[in-house]
Structure formats: structure tokens, C-alpha cells
Amino acid sequence: MKTITLDFTDISDRRDLYAYLKERFGLPDFYGSNLDALYDALTAVMEDTRIEFAEDDADTCCEAVWGIGPVNEELDRYLKQVRRVIEDAAEENGHLYI
């Protein structure tokens, strides 16, 4: 089984996030950088894949990202949405495991 660990530590904006997800999941160049496209791509995965998050808790998704200094609350909320989309895709696709 393939394992993909997602660590959002170095993500500073949505562009970085989608480039990172594209690389980690091996998504095609035509992949659209939005939540719907992410869901569609993940529900189409045909290889058994375990997805792990570097964060221990969905509610503290971004605490590790920002560490010291002000939290980018918008990005924090968006990363939590991304995590929910990945979890929803795993519920839909029997090849994905969280």
C-alpha cells in the first residue's frame, strides 16, 4: 500500500498548498487548484493509498504551520477545509485510507 504523509508546515498560501498537493498525490498538469478538483482527483485514485497527516488533530491543523507569530486565520480555515475534503474523498473511495 502506498502511504502519503501530508505536512503543511511550509505552506504559506493557497498556491503553495496546491503545488504541494499536486506533487504529493502525483496529480496531472491539468489538475484545477480548488477543493472540487481535489475531491474529484482523490475519488478517482485506483491504488490503495494511506493518507497520513503530520498534525495529530484536525482542530489544530495549522498550529504546527505557524508556530511563533500571528496565525493566518484564513489559511488555517482553508487547510481545515482541505483536510475535510480529503477525509470525505476517503469515505467515498475504497482505495483511500486515513
N, C-alpha and C. Protein backbone atom coordinates (compact mmCIF):
# COMPACT_ATOMS: atom_id res chain seq x y z
N MET A 1 0.85 -1.18 0.00
CA MET A 1 0.00 0.00 0.00
C MET A 1 0.90 1.24 0.00
N LYS A 2 0.54 2.17 -0.82
CA LYS A 2 1.23 3.45 -0.89
C LYS A 2 0.83 4.30 0.32
N THR A 3 1.78 5.03 0.90
CA THR A 3 1.49 5.94 2.01
C THR A 3 1.92 7.35 1.63
N ILE A 4 1.03 8.30 1.84
CA ILE A 4 1.34 9.71 1.61
C ILE A 4 1.14 10.44 2.93
N THR A 5 2.20 11.08 3.40
CA THR A 5 2.11 11.89 4.61
C THR A 5 2.05 13.35 4.20
N LEU A 6 1.03 14.03 4.68
CA LEU A 6 0.87 15.46 4.38
C LEU A 6 1.32 16.28 5.57
N ASP A 7 2.23 17.18 5.30
CA ASP A 7 2.77 18.07 6.32
C ASP A 7 2.67 19.49 5.77
N PHE A 8 1.79 20.28 6.35
CA PHE A 8 1.54 21.62 5.85
C PHE A 8 2.47 22.68 6.44
N THR A 9 3.55 22.26 7.07
CA THR A 9 4.45 23.18 7.77
C THR A 9 4.96 24.32 6.89
N ASP A 10 5.31 24.02 5.65
CA ASP A 10 5.90 25.04 4.79
C ASP A 10 4.89 25.74 3.87
N ILE A 11 3.63 25.50 4.09
CA ILE A 11 2.60 26.12 3.25
C ILE A 11 2.35 27.55 3.71
N SER A 12 2.48 28.49 2.77
CA SER A 12 2.28 29.89 3.15
C SER A 12 1.06 30.51 2.47
N ASP A 13 0.56 29.87 1.41
CA ASP A 13 -0.63 30.37 0.73
C ASP A 13 -1.25 29.25 -0.09
N ARG A 14 -2.37 29.54 -0.72
CA ARG A 14 -3.09 28.51 -1.47
C ARG A 14 -2.29 28.00 -2.67
N ARG A 15 -1.55 28.87 -3.31
CA ARG A 15 -0.73 28.45 -4.46
C ARG A 15 0.28 27.40 -4.02
N ASP A 16 0.97 27.65 -2.89
CA ASP A 16 1.90 26.67 -2.34
C ASP A 16 1.19 25.37 -1.99
N LEU A 17 0.01 25.49 -1.40
CA LEU A 17 -0.75 24.32 -0.99
C LEU A 17 -1.07 23.43 -2.18
N TYR A 18 -1.61 24.01 -3.25
CA TYR A 18 -2.00 23.19 -4.39
C TYR A 18 -0.80 22.63 -5.15
N ALA A 19 0.29 23.35 -5.19
CA ALA A 19 1.52 22.79 -5.79
C ALA A 19 2.00 21.60 -4.96
N TYR A 20 1.93 21.74 -3.64
CA TYR A 20 2.34 20.66 -2.74
C TYR A 20 1.44 19.43 -2.91
N LEU A 21 0.12 19.64 -2.93
CA LEU A 21 -0.81 18.52 -3.10
C LEU A 21 -0.63 17.85 -4.46
N LYS A 22 -0.40 18.64 -5.49
CA LYS A 22 -0.17 18.10 -6.83
C LYS A 22 1.05 17.19 -6.82
N GLU A 23 2.10 17.64 -6.17
CA GLU A 23 3.35 16.84 -6.10
C GLU A 23 3.14 15.59 -5.26
N ARG A 24 2.55 15.73 -4.09
CA ARG A 24 2.39 14.59 -3.16
C ARG A 24 1.49 13.50 -3.74
N PHE A 25 0.41 13.91 -4.41
CA PHE A 25 -0.54 12.94 -4.95
C PHE A 25 -0.25 12.56 -6.40
N GLY A 26 0.74 13.21 -7.02
CA GLY A 26 1.06 12.92 -8.41
C GLY A 26 -0.07 13.29 -9.36
N LEU A 27 -0.67 14.45 -9.11
CA LEU A 27 -1.80 14.89 -9.92
C LEU A 27 -1.33 15.43 -11.27
N PRO A 28 -2.16 15.32 -12.29
CA PRO A 28 -1.77 15.76 -13.64
C PRO A 28 -1.67 17.28 -13.75
N ASP A 29 -1.00 17.74 -14.80
CA ASP A 29 -0.82 19.17 -15.02
C ASP A 29 -2.14 19.92 -15.17
N PHE A 30 -3.16 19.26 -15.71
CA PHE A 30 -4.44 19.93 -15.92
C PHE A 30 -5.29 20.00 -14.64
N TYR A 31 -4.76 19.48 -13.55
CA TYR A 31 -5.48 19.50 -12.27
C TYR A 31 -5.82 20.94 -11.89
N GLY A 32 -7.09 21.18 -11.59
CA GLY A 32 -7.53 22.50 -11.17
C GLY A 32 -7.22 22.71 -9.70
N SER A 33 -6.76 23.85 -9.37
CA SER A 33 -6.34 24.15 -7.99
C SER A 33 -7.52 24.67 -7.18
N ASN A 34 -8.41 23.74 -6.81
CA ASN A 34 -9.54 24.10 -5.97
C ASN A 34 -10.03 22.85 -5.25
N LEU A 35 -10.92 23.03 -4.30
CA LEU A 35 -11.38 21.92 -3.47
C LEU A 35 -12.17 20.89 -4.27
N ASP A 36 -12.98 21.34 -5.22
CA ASP A 36 -13.75 20.39 -6.04
C ASP A 36 -12.82 19.51 -6.87
N ALA A 37 -11.81 20.11 -7.47
CA ALA A 37 -10.87 19.35 -8.28
C ALA A 37 -10.08 18.36 -7.41
N LEU A 38 -9.73 18.77 -6.21
CA LEU A 38 -9.02 17.87 -5.29
C LEU A 38 -9.91 16.66 -4.97
N TYR A 39 -11.15 16.91 -4.63
CA TYR A 39 -12.09 15.82 -4.33
C TYR A 39 -12.23 14.88 -5.53
N ASP A 40 -12.43 15.45 -6.71
CA ASP A 40 -12.58 14.64 -7.92
C ASP A 40 -11.34 13.78 -8.17
N ALA A 41 -10.17 14.38 -8.01
CA ALA A 41 -8.92 13.64 -8.25
C ALA A 41 -8.75 12.51 -7.24
N LEU A 42 -9.08 12.78 -5.98
CA LEU A 42 -8.89 11.75 -4.96
C LEU A 42 -9.92 10.64 -5.05
N THR A 43 -11.13 10.96 -5.46
CA THR A 43 -12.12 9.89 -5.59
C THR A 43 -11.85 9.02 -6.80
N ALA A 44 -10.95 9.46 -7.69
CA ALA A 44 -10.58 8.67 -8.87
C ALA A 44 -9.33 7.81 -8.64
N VAL A 45 -8.69 7.92 -7.48
CA VAL A 45 -7.49 7.14 -7.19
C VAL A 45 -7.84 5.65 -7.23
N MET A 46 -7.04 4.88 -7.94
CA MET A 46 -7.31 3.45 -8.09
C MET A 46 -6.31 2.56 -7.34
N GLU A 47 -5.31 3.16 -6.73
CA GLU A 47 -4.29 2.41 -5.98
C GLU A 47 -4.57 2.56 -4.49
N ASP A 48 -4.49 1.47 -3.74
CA ASP A 48 -4.67 1.57 -2.30
C ASP A 48 -3.64 2.53 -1.73
N THR A 49 -4.13 3.56 -1.04
CA THR A 49 -3.28 4.65 -0.57
C THR A 49 -3.70 5.05 0.84
N ARG A 50 -2.74 5.06 1.73
CA ARG A 50 -2.98 5.56 3.09
C ARG A 50 -2.52 7.02 3.12
N ILE A 51 -3.39 7.88 3.63
CA ILE A 51 -3.06 9.30 3.77
C ILE A 51 -2.92 9.60 5.25
N GLU A 52 -1.76 10.11 5.61
CA GLU A 52 -1.49 10.48 6.99
C GLU A 52 -1.25 11.98 7.06
N PHE A 53 -1.66 12.57 8.15
CA PHE A 53 -1.45 13.99 8.38
C PHE A 53 -0.38 14.14 9.46
N ALA A 54 0.55 15.03 9.26
CA ALA A 54 1.60 15.27 10.25
C ALA A 54 1.00 15.83 11.53
N GLU A 55 -0.13 16.53 11.42
CA GLU A 55 -0.81 17.07 12.59
C GLU A 55 -1.56 15.96 13.29
N ASP A 56 -1.63 16.01 14.61
CA ASP A 56 -2.31 14.97 15.38
C ASP A 56 -3.81 15.14 15.41
N ASP A 57 -4.29 16.35 15.23
CA ASP A 57 -5.70 16.64 15.48
C ASP A 57 -6.21 17.61 14.41
N ALA A 58 -7.34 17.30 13.80
CA ALA A 58 -7.91 18.17 12.76
C ALA A 58 -8.19 19.57 13.28
N ASP A 59 -8.51 19.69 14.57
CA ASP A 59 -8.81 21.02 15.12
C ASP A 59 -7.58 21.88 15.29
N THR A 60 -6.41 21.27 15.30
CA THR A 60 -5.16 22.04 15.43
C THR A 60 -4.33 21.90 14.16
N CYS A 61 -5.01 21.82 13.06
CA CYS A 61 -4.39 21.56 11.76
C CYS A 61 -3.20 22.46 11.47
N CYS A 62 -3.30 23.71 11.83
CA CYS A 62 -2.26 24.65 11.42
C CYS A 62 -1.37 25.13 12.53
N GLU A 63 -1.53 24.69 13.73
CA GLU A 63 -0.68 25.17 14.81
C GLU A 63 0.79 24.91 14.49
N ALA A 64 1.07 23.75 13.92
CA ALA A 64 2.46 23.44 13.57
C ALA A 64 2.96 24.31 12.42
N VAL A 65 2.03 24.76 11.58
CA VAL A 65 2.42 25.56 10.43
C VAL A 65 2.97 26.90 10.86
N TRP A 66 2.29 27.52 11.83
CA TRP A 66 2.62 28.89 12.14
C TRP A 66 3.55 29.05 13.33
N GLY A 67 3.56 28.10 14.24
CA GLY A 67 4.50 28.17 15.35
C GLY A 67 4.45 29.50 16.07
N ILE A 68 5.46 30.31 15.84
CA ILE A 68 5.58 31.60 16.52
C ILE A 68 4.98 32.68 15.63
N GLY A 69 4.38 33.68 16.24
CA GLY A 69 3.87 34.81 15.47
C GLY A 69 2.39 34.69 15.19
N PRO A 70 1.85 35.66 14.46
CA PRO A 70 0.42 35.69 14.20
C PRO A 70 -0.03 34.54 13.31
N VAL A 71 -1.20 34.02 13.59
CA VAL A 71 -1.76 32.94 12.79
C VAL A 71 -2.50 33.55 11.62
N ASN A 72 -2.30 33.00 10.44
CA ASN A 72 -3.06 33.39 9.28
C ASN A 72 -4.37 32.63 9.35
N GLU A 73 -5.39 33.26 9.91
CA GLU A 73 -6.65 32.57 10.19
C GLU A 73 -7.34 32.11 8.92
N GLU A 74 -7.23 32.86 7.85
CA GLU A 74 -7.86 32.45 6.59
C GLU A 74 -7.23 31.16 6.07
N LEU A 75 -5.90 31.09 6.06
CA LEU A 75 -5.23 29.88 5.60
C LEU A 75 -5.51 28.72 6.55
N ASP A 76 -5.56 28.99 7.83
CA ASP A 76 -5.87 27.97 8.82
C ASP A 76 -7.23 27.35 8.51
N ARG A 77 -8.24 28.17 8.27
CA ARG A 77 -9.58 27.67 7.94
C ARG A 77 -9.55 26.87 6.64
N TYR A 78 -8.78 27.37 5.67
CA TYR A 78 -8.74 26.69 4.37
C TYR A 78 -8.06 25.32 4.49
N LEU A 79 -6.99 25.24 5.26
CA LEU A 79 -6.32 23.95 5.44
C LEU A 79 -7.24 22.95 6.14
N LYS A 80 -8.07 23.42 7.04
CA LYS A 80 -9.04 22.54 7.68
C LYS A 80 -10.06 22.05 6.66
N GLN A 81 -10.45 22.92 5.72
CA GLN A 81 -11.37 22.51 4.65
C GLN A 81 -10.71 21.45 3.76
N VAL A 82 -9.45 21.66 3.46
CA VAL A 82 -8.71 20.69 2.64
C VAL A 82 -8.70 19.34 3.33
N ARG A 83 -8.42 19.35 4.60
CA ARG A 83 -8.40 18.08 5.34
C ARG A 83 -9.78 17.41 5.30
N ARG A 84 -10.85 18.18 5.45
CA ARG A 84 -12.20 17.61 5.38
C ARG A 84 -12.48 17.03 3.99
N VAL A 85 -12.04 17.71 2.95
CA VAL A 85 -12.23 17.21 1.58
C VAL A 85 -11.50 15.88 1.41
N ILE A 86 -10.29 15.79 1.92
CA ILE A 86 -9.52 14.55 1.82
C ILE A 86 -10.23 13.44 2.60
N GLU A 87 -10.72 13.75 3.78
CA GLU A 87 -11.45 12.75 4.57
C GLU A 87 -12.73 12.32 3.87
N ASP A 88 -13.46 13.27 3.27
CA ASP A 88 -14.68 12.94 2.53
C ASP A 88 -14.36 12.05 1.33
N ALA A 89 -13.29 12.35 0.62
CA ALA A 89 -12.88 11.54 -0.52
C ALA A 89 -12.55 10.12 -0.08
N ALA A 90 -11.91 9.99 1.08
CA ALA A 90 -11.57 8.66 1.60
C ALA A 90 -12.83 7.87 1.95
N GLU A 91 -13.85 8.55 2.43
CA GLU A 91 -15.11 7.87 2.71
C GLU A 91 -15.77 7.37 1.43
N GLU A 92 -15.60 8.11 0.36
CA GLU A 92 -16.21 7.76 -0.94
C GLU A 92 -15.40 6.72 -1.70
N ASN A 93 -14.10 6.78 -1.60
CA ASN A 93 -13.20 5.92 -2.39
C ASN A 93 -12.62 4.82 -1.51
N GLY A 94 -12.94 3.60 -1.79
CA GLY A 94 -12.46 2.46 -1.02
C GLY A 94 -10.96 2.22 -1.12
N HIS A 95 -10.28 2.94 -2.00
CA HIS A 95 -8.83 2.79 -2.13
C HIS A 95 -8.06 3.77 -1.23
N LEU A 96 -8.75 4.69 -0.60
CA LEU A 96 -8.10 5.68 0.27
C LEU A 96 -8.38 5.36 1.72
N TYR A 97 -7.35 5.48 2.53
CA TYR A 97 -7.45 5.21 3.97
C TYR A 97 -6.81 6.36 4.74
N ILE A 98 -7.46 6.80 5.79
CA ILE A 98 -6.91 7.86 6.64
C ILE A 98 -6.45 7.22 7.93
